[in-house]
N, C-alpha and C. Protein backbone atom coordinates (compact mmCIF):
# COMPACT_ATOMS: atom_id res chain seq x y z
N MET A 1 147.27 -115.01 11.18
CA MET A 1 146.28 -113.98 11.36
C MET A 1 146.57 -113.23 12.65
N VAL A 2 146.50 -111.93 12.60
CA VAL A 2 146.78 -111.08 13.76
C VAL A 2 145.47 -110.62 14.37
N GLN A 3 145.33 -110.81 15.67
CA GLN A 3 144.14 -110.33 16.36
C GLN A 3 144.45 -109.01 17.03
N SER A 4 143.47 -108.15 17.04
CA SER A 4 143.63 -106.83 17.62
C SER A 4 142.90 -106.75 18.96
N ASN A 5 143.41 -105.95 19.86
CA ASN A 5 142.77 -105.74 21.15
C ASN A 5 141.85 -104.52 21.13
N TRP A 6 141.68 -103.91 19.97
CA TRP A 6 140.82 -102.73 19.86
C TRP A 6 139.36 -103.12 19.93
N LYS A 7 138.62 -102.42 20.74
CA LYS A 7 137.19 -102.65 20.82
C LYS A 7 136.50 -101.72 19.83
N ILE A 8 135.69 -102.28 19.00
CA ILE A 8 134.99 -101.49 17.99
C ILE A 8 133.56 -101.27 18.46
N ASP A 9 133.20 -99.99 18.65
CA ASP A 9 131.84 -99.65 19.04
C ASP A 9 131.00 -99.42 17.79
N GLN A 10 130.08 -100.32 17.55
CA GLN A 10 129.21 -100.19 16.39
C GLN A 10 127.77 -100.17 16.86
N GLU A 11 127.02 -99.24 16.31
CA GLU A 11 125.59 -99.17 16.58
C GLU A 11 124.88 -99.22 15.24
N TRP A 12 124.00 -100.18 15.12
CA TRP A 12 123.30 -100.34 13.87
C TRP A 12 121.87 -100.67 14.15
N PRO A 13 120.92 -100.12 13.56
CA PRO A 13 120.90 -99.04 12.58
C PRO A 13 121.06 -97.68 13.23
N ALA A 14 121.23 -96.66 12.40
CA ALA A 14 121.42 -95.30 12.89
C ALA A 14 120.33 -94.39 12.34
N CYS A 15 119.91 -93.43 13.15
CA CYS A 15 118.92 -92.44 12.71
C CYS A 15 119.63 -91.46 11.78
N VAL A 16 119.00 -91.16 10.64
CA VAL A 16 119.62 -90.26 9.67
C VAL A 16 118.82 -88.98 9.44
N GLY A 17 117.69 -88.80 10.14
CA GLY A 17 116.95 -87.56 9.96
C GLY A 17 115.55 -87.62 10.53
N LEU A 18 114.83 -86.50 10.37
CA LEU A 18 113.45 -86.36 10.81
C LEU A 18 112.59 -85.97 9.62
N SER A 19 111.31 -86.34 9.67
CA SER A 19 110.38 -85.93 8.62
C SER A 19 109.00 -85.72 9.23
N LYS A 20 108.17 -84.94 8.53
CA LYS A 20 106.78 -84.75 8.91
C LYS A 20 105.94 -85.57 7.95
N ILE A 21 105.06 -86.42 8.51
CA ILE A 21 104.27 -87.33 7.70
C ILE A 21 102.80 -87.21 8.09
N GLY A 22 101.95 -87.25 7.10
CA GLY A 22 100.51 -87.31 7.36
C GLY A 22 99.83 -85.96 7.38
N LYS A 23 98.53 -86.01 7.58
CA LYS A 23 97.69 -84.83 7.56
C LYS A 23 98.06 -83.82 8.64
N TYR A 24 98.40 -84.30 9.82
CA TYR A 24 98.68 -83.41 10.94
C TYR A 24 100.17 -83.17 11.15
N GLY A 25 101.02 -83.70 10.30
CA GLY A 25 102.45 -83.43 10.39
C GLY A 25 103.15 -84.13 11.53
N ARG A 26 102.77 -85.36 11.81
CA ARG A 26 103.43 -86.14 12.87
C ARG A 26 104.90 -86.33 12.52
N VAL A 27 105.78 -86.09 13.47
CA VAL A 27 107.21 -86.20 13.23
C VAL A 27 107.64 -87.66 13.34
N HIS A 28 108.37 -88.13 12.33
CA HIS A 28 108.89 -89.50 12.30
C HIS A 28 110.41 -89.43 12.18
N THR A 29 111.09 -90.45 12.68
CA THR A 29 112.54 -90.56 12.52
C THR A 29 112.82 -91.47 11.32
N LEU A 30 113.87 -91.15 10.58
CA LEU A 30 114.27 -91.94 9.42
C LEU A 30 115.54 -92.69 9.77
N TRP A 31 115.58 -93.99 9.44
CA TRP A 31 116.69 -94.86 9.81
C TRP A 31 117.33 -95.45 8.56
N ASN A 32 118.57 -95.89 8.66
CA ASN A 32 119.28 -96.41 7.50
C ASN A 32 119.18 -97.92 7.36
N ASP A 33 118.17 -98.55 7.93
CA ASP A 33 118.01 -100.00 7.81
C ASP A 33 116.94 -100.40 6.80
N CYS A 34 116.44 -99.45 6.02
CA CYS A 34 115.47 -99.69 4.94
C CYS A 34 114.15 -100.28 5.43
N LYS A 35 113.79 -100.06 6.68
CA LYS A 35 112.50 -100.55 7.20
C LYS A 35 111.46 -99.43 7.23
N GLY A 36 111.79 -98.28 6.71
CA GLY A 36 110.85 -97.18 6.70
C GLY A 36 111.02 -96.28 7.91
N SER A 37 110.15 -95.29 7.99
CA SER A 37 110.23 -94.34 9.10
C SER A 37 109.54 -94.91 10.33
N ARG A 38 109.91 -94.39 11.49
CA ARG A 38 109.31 -94.79 12.76
C ARG A 38 108.80 -93.55 13.47
N PRO A 39 107.62 -93.61 14.05
CA PRO A 39 107.09 -92.43 14.73
C PRO A 39 107.88 -92.09 15.99
N THR A 40 107.89 -90.81 16.31
CA THR A 40 108.52 -90.38 17.56
C THR A 40 107.61 -90.76 18.73
N PRO A 41 108.10 -90.74 19.95
CA PRO A 41 107.26 -91.09 21.11
C PRO A 41 106.01 -90.20 21.21
N TRP A 42 105.01 -90.67 21.90
CA TRP A 42 103.72 -89.99 21.98
C TRP A 42 103.83 -88.57 22.53
N TYR A 43 104.76 -88.34 23.46
CA TYR A 43 104.85 -87.02 24.08
C TYR A 43 105.47 -85.98 23.16
N MET A 44 105.99 -86.38 22.01
CA MET A 44 106.53 -85.42 21.05
C MET A 44 105.51 -84.97 20.02
N ARG A 45 104.28 -85.45 20.10
CA ARG A 45 103.25 -85.11 19.12
C ARG A 45 102.89 -83.63 19.12
N LEU A 46 102.82 -83.02 20.27
CA LEU A 46 102.39 -81.62 20.36
C LEU A 46 103.53 -80.63 20.47
N ILE A 47 104.75 -81.10 20.44
CA ILE A 47 105.92 -80.23 20.56
C ILE A 47 106.34 -79.75 19.17
N PRO A 48 106.58 -78.45 18.98
CA PRO A 48 107.03 -77.96 17.67
C PRO A 48 108.33 -78.64 17.23
N MET A 49 108.48 -78.81 15.93
CA MET A 49 109.63 -79.54 15.39
C MET A 49 110.95 -78.84 15.69
N LYS A 50 110.93 -77.53 15.93
CA LYS A 50 112.19 -76.84 16.21
C LYS A 50 112.79 -77.27 17.55
N TYR A 51 112.01 -77.92 18.41
CA TYR A 51 112.51 -78.41 19.69
C TYR A 51 112.86 -79.90 19.66
N ILE A 52 112.70 -80.55 18.52
CA ILE A 52 113.03 -81.96 18.38
C ILE A 52 114.28 -82.07 17.52
N LYS A 53 115.33 -82.63 18.06
CA LYS A 53 116.59 -82.82 17.34
C LYS A 53 116.85 -84.32 17.21
N TRP A 54 117.87 -84.69 16.47
CA TRP A 54 118.20 -86.09 16.26
C TRP A 54 119.70 -86.29 16.18
N ASP A 55 120.12 -87.51 16.50
CA ASP A 55 121.49 -87.94 16.29
C ASP A 55 121.42 -89.42 15.88
N SER A 56 122.52 -90.12 15.88
CA SER A 56 122.53 -91.50 15.39
C SER A 56 121.71 -92.45 16.27
N LYS A 57 121.40 -92.05 17.50
CA LYS A 57 120.62 -92.91 18.39
C LYS A 57 119.13 -92.67 18.32
N GLY A 58 118.70 -91.60 17.69
CA GLY A 58 117.27 -91.31 17.57
C GLY A 58 116.95 -89.86 17.84
N SER A 59 115.70 -89.59 18.16
CA SER A 59 115.25 -88.22 18.40
C SER A 59 115.29 -87.89 19.89
N TYR A 60 115.39 -86.59 20.18
CA TYR A 60 115.37 -86.13 21.56
C TYR A 60 114.87 -84.70 21.61
N LEU A 61 114.47 -84.24 22.79
CA LEU A 61 114.00 -82.87 22.98
C LEU A 61 115.19 -81.97 23.24
N PHE A 62 115.13 -80.77 22.66
CA PHE A 62 116.22 -79.80 22.79
C PHE A 62 115.62 -78.47 23.23
N TYR A 63 116.07 -77.96 24.34
CA TYR A 63 115.54 -76.71 24.87
C TYR A 63 116.32 -75.48 24.47
N GLY A 64 117.37 -75.62 23.68
CA GLY A 64 118.17 -74.47 23.29
C GLY A 64 119.34 -74.23 24.24
N THR A 65 119.58 -75.15 25.15
CA THR A 65 120.71 -75.05 26.06
C THR A 65 121.60 -76.26 25.83
N SER A 66 122.57 -76.44 26.68
CA SER A 66 123.47 -77.58 26.53
C SER A 66 122.86 -78.89 27.01
N LYS A 67 121.70 -78.82 27.66
CA LYS A 67 121.04 -80.04 28.15
C LYS A 67 120.15 -80.64 27.08
N ASN A 68 120.32 -81.90 26.83
CA ASN A 68 119.48 -82.63 25.90
C ASN A 68 118.73 -83.69 26.69
N ILE A 69 117.46 -83.86 26.37
CA ILE A 69 116.64 -84.85 27.06
C ILE A 69 116.42 -86.01 26.10
N ARG A 70 117.03 -87.13 26.38
CA ARG A 70 116.91 -88.31 25.50
C ARG A 70 115.57 -89.00 25.75
N ASN A 71 115.04 -89.64 24.75
CA ASN A 71 113.81 -90.40 24.95
C ASN A 71 114.10 -91.85 25.18
């Protein structure tokens, strides 16, 4: 058996999208671990969805510039 010196960076689970749920349209993140959606942090409740973006690590605020604010 041959062992490799390559380090494999794996992150599991990964965020796969955003959704609006409920009467008031609370934004939730969707994950690929089949545990259902998870709500975004409390400070994202009043922020319009066009300023909330996502990647494999979760949701973050986006101001329209190159700076992203991670939660």
